[in-house]
Amino acid sequence: MIGPHANASQAMLSSYFGSNRLVDSHTPLLAMRNALPNAAVAYAVGCDVFCNTTSGFSEAIDLAKSSDVSVVFLGLDESQEREGFDRTTLELPGHQLQLL
């Protein structure tokens, strides 16, 4: 599992406001590890949601090359878009498309 949202919880809530104990304590990475307890589920962040640097790409690329399956979790969070703070483009932030 690769990407800035693979081990994220709050970003999965999108713009929902309020307490959500289920999402607060679960991430896609944890869910995959729980669903496949006998599988070697590995994780590399690659970059943060702003993805202004490619310094973490080599770890993510090495992981993808050594894996049978790669699932990539990209996108943004409320620091980049929220009610009253709209984006002007539909492009992925920073170098996220390059990471993909």
N, C-alpha and C. Protein backbone atom coordinates (compact mmCIF):
# COMPACT_ATOMS: atom_id res chain seq x y z
N MET A 1 0.85 -1.16 0.00
CA MET A 1 0.00 0.00 0.00
C MET A 1 0.90 1.23 0.00
N ILE A 2 0.57 2.15 -0.89
CA ILE A 2 1.44 3.30 -1.12
C ILE A 2 0.61 4.58 -1.13
N GLY A 3 1.18 5.63 -0.62
CA GLY A 3 0.57 6.94 -0.76
C GLY A 3 0.25 7.63 0.54
N PRO A 4 0.00 8.93 0.45
CA PRO A 4 -0.22 9.72 1.66
C PRO A 4 -1.51 9.40 2.40
N HIS A 5 -2.45 8.72 1.74
CA HIS A 5 -3.70 8.39 2.41
C HIS A 5 -3.84 6.91 2.75
N ALA A 6 -2.83 6.12 2.48
CA ALA A 6 -2.91 4.69 2.77
C ALA A 6 -2.99 4.41 4.27
N ASN A 7 -2.42 5.28 5.06
CA ASN A 7 -2.46 5.10 6.51
C ASN A 7 -3.11 6.31 7.18
N ALA A 8 -4.09 6.91 6.50
CA ALA A 8 -4.77 8.10 7.01
C ALA A 8 -6.14 7.73 7.55
N SER A 9 -6.56 8.44 8.56
CA SER A 9 -7.90 8.22 9.09
C SER A 9 -8.79 9.43 8.86
N GLN A 10 -8.38 10.59 9.31
CA GLN A 10 -9.21 11.79 9.21
C GLN A 10 -9.52 12.16 7.76
N ALA A 11 -8.60 11.96 6.85
CA ALA A 11 -8.85 12.29 5.45
C ALA A 11 -9.99 11.47 4.87
N MET A 12 -10.23 10.28 5.44
CA MET A 12 -11.31 9.44 4.94
C MET A 12 -12.69 10.01 5.28
N LEU A 13 -12.74 10.96 6.21
CA LEU A 13 -14.00 11.59 6.58
C LEU A 13 -14.40 12.69 5.60
N SER A 14 -13.49 13.10 4.73
CA SER A 14 -13.74 14.19 3.79
C SER A 14 -14.09 15.44 4.56
N SER A 15 -15.20 16.07 4.26
CA SER A 15 -15.55 17.32 4.94
C SER A 15 -16.59 17.10 6.03
N TYR A 16 -16.74 15.86 6.48
CA TYR A 16 -17.67 15.55 7.57
C TYR A 16 -17.14 16.14 8.87
N PHE A 17 -18.00 16.80 9.59
CA PHE A 17 -17.62 17.35 10.88
C PHE A 17 -18.32 16.57 11.97
N GLY A 18 -17.60 16.21 12.98
CA GLY A 18 -18.17 15.47 14.09
C GLY A 18 -17.29 14.29 14.44
N SER A 19 -17.61 13.64 15.51
CA SER A 19 -16.83 12.51 15.97
C SER A 19 -17.24 11.25 15.24
N ASN A 20 -16.28 10.48 14.83
CA ASN A 20 -16.53 9.20 14.18
C ASN A 20 -15.46 8.24 14.68
N ARG A 21 -15.77 7.53 15.75
CA ARG A 21 -14.77 6.64 16.37
C ARG A 21 -14.27 5.57 15.42
N LEU A 22 -15.14 5.08 14.54
CA LEU A 22 -14.72 4.03 13.62
C LEU A 22 -13.62 4.54 12.69
N VAL A 23 -13.82 5.67 12.08
CA VAL A 23 -12.83 6.21 11.16
C VAL A 23 -11.61 6.72 11.90
N ASP A 24 -11.81 7.32 13.07
CA ASP A 24 -10.69 7.85 13.84
C ASP A 24 -9.66 6.77 14.17
N SER A 25 -10.09 5.54 14.34
CA SER A 25 -9.17 4.49 14.76
C SER A 25 -8.86 3.47 13.66
N HIS A 26 -9.26 3.76 12.43
CA HIS A 26 -9.01 2.83 11.34
C HIS A 26 -8.45 3.57 10.13
N THR A 27 -7.63 2.89 9.40
CA THR A 27 -7.06 3.43 8.17
C THR A 27 -7.17 2.33 7.11
N PRO A 28 -7.03 2.67 5.83
CA PRO A 28 -7.02 1.62 4.81
C PRO A 28 -5.94 0.56 5.07
N LEU A 29 -4.77 1.00 5.54
CA LEU A 29 -3.69 0.05 5.83
C LEU A 29 -4.09 -0.92 6.95
N LEU A 30 -4.63 -0.40 8.02
CA LEU A 30 -5.06 -1.28 9.12
C LEU A 30 -6.19 -2.21 8.68
N ALA A 31 -7.12 -1.70 7.89
CA ALA A 31 -8.21 -2.53 7.40
C ALA A 31 -7.69 -3.67 6.53
N MET A 32 -6.72 -3.38 5.66
CA MET A 32 -6.15 -4.42 4.80
C MET A 32 -5.41 -5.45 5.63
N ARG A 33 -4.66 -5.00 6.61
CA ARG A 33 -3.92 -5.95 7.47
C ARG A 33 -4.88 -6.82 8.28
N ASN A 34 -6.00 -6.25 8.72
CA ASN A 34 -7.00 -7.03 9.45
C ASN A 34 -7.73 -8.00 8.53
N ALA A 35 -8.01 -7.58 7.30
CA ALA A 35 -8.73 -8.43 6.36
C ALA A 35 -7.87 -9.57 5.84
N LEU A 36 -6.57 -9.34 5.77
CA LEU A 36 -5.64 -10.35 5.24
C LEU A 36 -4.53 -10.62 6.25
N PRO A 37 -4.87 -11.23 7.39
CA PRO A 37 -3.88 -11.38 8.46
C PRO A 37 -2.68 -12.25 8.08
N ASN A 38 -2.82 -13.10 7.09
CA ASN A 38 -1.71 -13.98 6.69
C ASN A 38 -0.90 -13.42 5.52
N ALA A 39 -1.29 -12.26 5.03
CA ALA A 39 -0.58 -11.64 3.91
C ALA A 39 0.45 -10.64 4.43
N ALA A 40 1.49 -10.45 3.68
CA ALA A 40 2.50 -9.46 4.01
C ALA A 40 2.07 -8.13 3.40
N VAL A 41 1.33 -7.35 4.16
CA VAL A 41 0.84 -6.05 3.67
C VAL A 41 1.85 -4.99 4.08
N ALA A 42 2.58 -4.47 3.10
CA ALA A 42 3.62 -3.49 3.36
C ALA A 42 3.12 -2.09 3.00
N TYR A 43 3.84 -1.08 3.48
CA TYR A 43 3.40 0.30 3.32
C TYR A 43 4.58 1.23 3.09
N ALA A 44 4.42 2.12 2.14
CA ALA A 44 5.38 3.21 1.92
C ALA A 44 4.58 4.46 1.63
N VAL A 45 4.88 5.54 2.30
CA VAL A 45 4.10 6.77 2.14
C VAL A 45 4.38 7.45 0.80
N GLY A 46 5.59 7.40 0.31
CA GLY A 46 5.92 8.05 -0.96
C GLY A 46 6.09 9.55 -0.81
N CYS A 47 5.06 10.21 -0.29
CA CYS A 47 5.10 11.65 -0.03
C CYS A 47 3.89 12.02 0.82
N ASP A 48 3.89 13.25 1.37
CA ASP A 48 2.73 13.70 2.12
C ASP A 48 1.67 14.23 1.14
N VAL A 49 0.57 14.76 1.63
CA VAL A 49 -0.51 15.19 0.73
C VAL A 49 -0.10 16.36 -0.16
N PHE A 50 0.84 17.19 0.28
CA PHE A 50 1.30 18.28 -0.58
C PHE A 50 2.26 17.78 -1.64
N CYS A 51 3.01 16.76 -1.34
CA CYS A 51 3.92 16.07 -2.26
C CYS A 51 4.83 17.05 -3.00
N ASN A 52 5.47 17.92 -2.24
CA ASN A 52 6.36 18.91 -2.82
C ASN A 52 7.75 18.37 -3.10
N THR A 53 8.02 17.16 -2.65
CA THR A 53 9.33 16.55 -2.85
C THR A 53 9.15 15.10 -3.29
N THR A 54 10.10 14.60 -4.03
CA THR A 54 10.08 13.21 -4.48
C THR A 54 11.02 12.33 -3.67
N SER A 55 11.49 12.84 -2.55
CA SER A 55 12.51 12.12 -1.77
C SER A 55 12.04 10.77 -1.25
N GLY A 56 10.74 10.56 -1.08
CA GLY A 56 10.24 9.27 -0.61
C GLY A 56 9.82 8.33 -1.72
N PHE A 57 9.99 8.77 -2.95
CA PHE A 57 9.55 7.95 -4.08
C PHE A 57 10.32 6.65 -4.22
N SER A 58 11.62 6.66 -3.96
CA SER A 58 12.43 5.45 -4.18
C SER A 58 11.94 4.30 -3.31
N GLU A 59 11.59 4.57 -2.05
CA GLU A 59 11.06 3.52 -1.18
C GLU A 59 9.74 2.98 -1.73
N ALA A 60 8.86 3.88 -2.19
CA ALA A 60 7.58 3.46 -2.74
C ALA A 60 7.76 2.66 -4.03
N ILE A 61 8.67 3.08 -4.87
CA ILE A 61 8.94 2.37 -6.12
C ILE A 61 9.50 0.99 -5.84
N ASP A 62 10.44 0.89 -4.92
CA ASP A 62 11.01 -0.41 -4.56
C ASP A 62 9.94 -1.35 -4.02
N LEU A 63 9.04 -0.80 -3.19
CA LEU A 63 7.95 -1.61 -2.65
C LEU A 63 7.04 -2.10 -3.76
N ALA A 64 6.68 -1.22 -4.67
CA ALA A 64 5.80 -1.61 -5.78
C ALA A 64 6.45 -2.69 -6.65
N LYS A 65 7.74 -2.53 -6.91
CA LYS A 65 8.45 -3.52 -7.74
C LYS A 65 8.51 -4.89 -7.08
N SER A 66 8.56 -4.92 -5.76
CA SER A 66 8.70 -6.19 -5.05
C SER A 66 7.35 -6.79 -4.64
N SER A 67 6.25 -6.14 -5.01
CA SER A 67 4.92 -6.58 -4.59
C SER A 67 4.15 -7.23 -5.73
N ASP A 68 3.26 -8.15 -5.37
CA ASP A 68 2.37 -8.74 -6.37
C ASP A 68 1.28 -7.76 -6.77
N VAL A 69 0.84 -6.95 -5.82
CA VAL A 69 -0.23 -5.98 -6.03
C VAL A 69 0.15 -4.69 -5.30
N SER A 70 -0.11 -3.57 -5.96
CA SER A 70 0.09 -2.27 -5.31
C SER A 70 -1.23 -1.50 -5.34
N VAL A 71 -1.60 -0.95 -4.20
CA VAL A 71 -2.77 -0.09 -4.10
C VAL A 71 -2.26 1.27 -3.68
N VAL A 72 -2.60 2.31 -4.47
CA VAL A 72 -2.07 3.64 -4.24
C VAL A 72 -3.20 4.56 -3.79
N PHE A 73 -2.99 5.24 -2.67
CA PHE A 73 -3.99 6.14 -2.09
C PHE A 73 -3.48 7.58 -2.21
N LEU A 74 -4.01 8.30 -3.18
CA LEU A 74 -3.60 9.67 -3.44
C LEU A 74 -4.76 10.63 -3.17
N GLY A 75 -4.49 11.91 -3.27
CA GLY A 75 -5.54 12.91 -3.12
C GLY A 75 -5.13 14.00 -2.17
N LEU A 76 -6.10 14.75 -1.72
CA LEU A 76 -5.83 15.88 -0.85
C LEU A 76 -6.62 15.77 0.43
N ASP A 77 -6.44 16.74 1.28
CA ASP A 77 -7.19 16.77 2.54
C ASP A 77 -7.75 18.17 2.73
N GLU A 78 -8.31 18.43 3.89
CA GLU A 78 -8.96 19.72 4.11
C GLU A 78 -7.97 20.89 4.22
N SER A 79 -6.69 20.61 4.26
CA SER A 79 -5.74 21.71 4.22
C SER A 79 -5.65 22.29 2.81
N GLN A 80 -6.19 21.56 1.83
CA GLN A 80 -6.13 22.00 0.43
C GLN A 80 -7.50 22.28 -0.17
N GLU A 81 -8.54 21.78 0.44
CA GLU A 81 -9.90 22.04 -0.05
C GLU A 81 -10.88 21.78 1.08
N ARG A 82 -11.82 22.68 1.22
CA ARG A 82 -12.87 22.53 2.22
C ARG A 82 -13.97 23.54 1.90
N GLU A 83 -15.02 23.52 2.67
CA GLU A 83 -16.11 24.47 2.48
C GLU A 83 -15.56 25.90 2.53
N GLY A 84 -15.82 26.67 1.49
CA GLY A 84 -15.35 28.05 1.42
C GLY A 84 -13.91 28.19 0.96
N PHE A 85 -13.24 27.08 0.66
CA PHE A 85 -11.85 27.09 0.18
C PHE A 85 -11.76 26.08 -0.95
N ASP A 86 -12.25 26.47 -2.11
CA ASP A 86 -12.33 25.58 -3.26
C ASP A 86 -11.03 25.55 -4.05
N ARG A 87 -10.81 24.42 -4.69
CA ARG A 87 -9.65 24.28 -5.58
C ARG A 87 -9.95 24.95 -6.91
N THR A 88 -8.93 25.31 -7.62
CA THR A 88 -9.10 25.88 -8.95
C THR A 88 -8.74 24.88 -10.04
N THR A 89 -8.33 23.68 -9.65
CA THR A 89 -7.94 22.64 -10.60
C THR A 89 -8.32 21.27 -10.04
N LEU A 90 -8.47 20.32 -10.92
CA LEU A 90 -8.77 18.95 -10.49
C LEU A 90 -7.51 18.07 -10.45
N GLU A 91 -6.36 18.68 -10.68
CA GLU A 91 -5.11 17.94 -10.67
C GLU A 91 -4.76 17.47 -9.27
N LEU A 92 -4.03 16.37 -9.19
CA LEU A 92 -3.51 15.89 -7.91
C LEU A 92 -2.46 16.88 -7.39
N PRO A 93 -2.36 17.04 -6.09
CA PRO A 93 -1.40 17.98 -5.52
C PRO A 93 0.06 17.59 -5.79
N GLY A 94 0.89 18.60 -5.96
CA GLY A 94 2.33 18.41 -6.07
C GLY A 94 2.73 17.36 -7.09
N HIS A 95 3.56 16.42 -6.64
CA HIS A 95 4.09 15.37 -7.52
C HIS A 95 3.33 14.05 -7.38
N GLN A 96 2.09 14.09 -6.87
CA GLN A 96 1.36 12.84 -6.65
C GLN A 96 1.14 12.06 -7.95
N LEU A 97 0.85 12.74 -9.05
CA LEU A 97 0.67 12.02 -10.31
C LEU A 97 1.97 11.34 -10.71
N GLN A 98 3.08 11.98 -10.47
CA GLN A 98 4.39 11.37 -10.76
C GLN A 98 4.61 10.14 -9.86
N LEU A 99 4.17 10.20 -8.62
CA LEU A 99 4.29 9.04 -7.73
C LEU A 99 3.47 7.88 -8.31
N LEU A 100 2.28 8.17 -8.78
CA LEU A 100 1.45 7.11 -9.37
C LEU A 100 2.13 6.49 -10.56
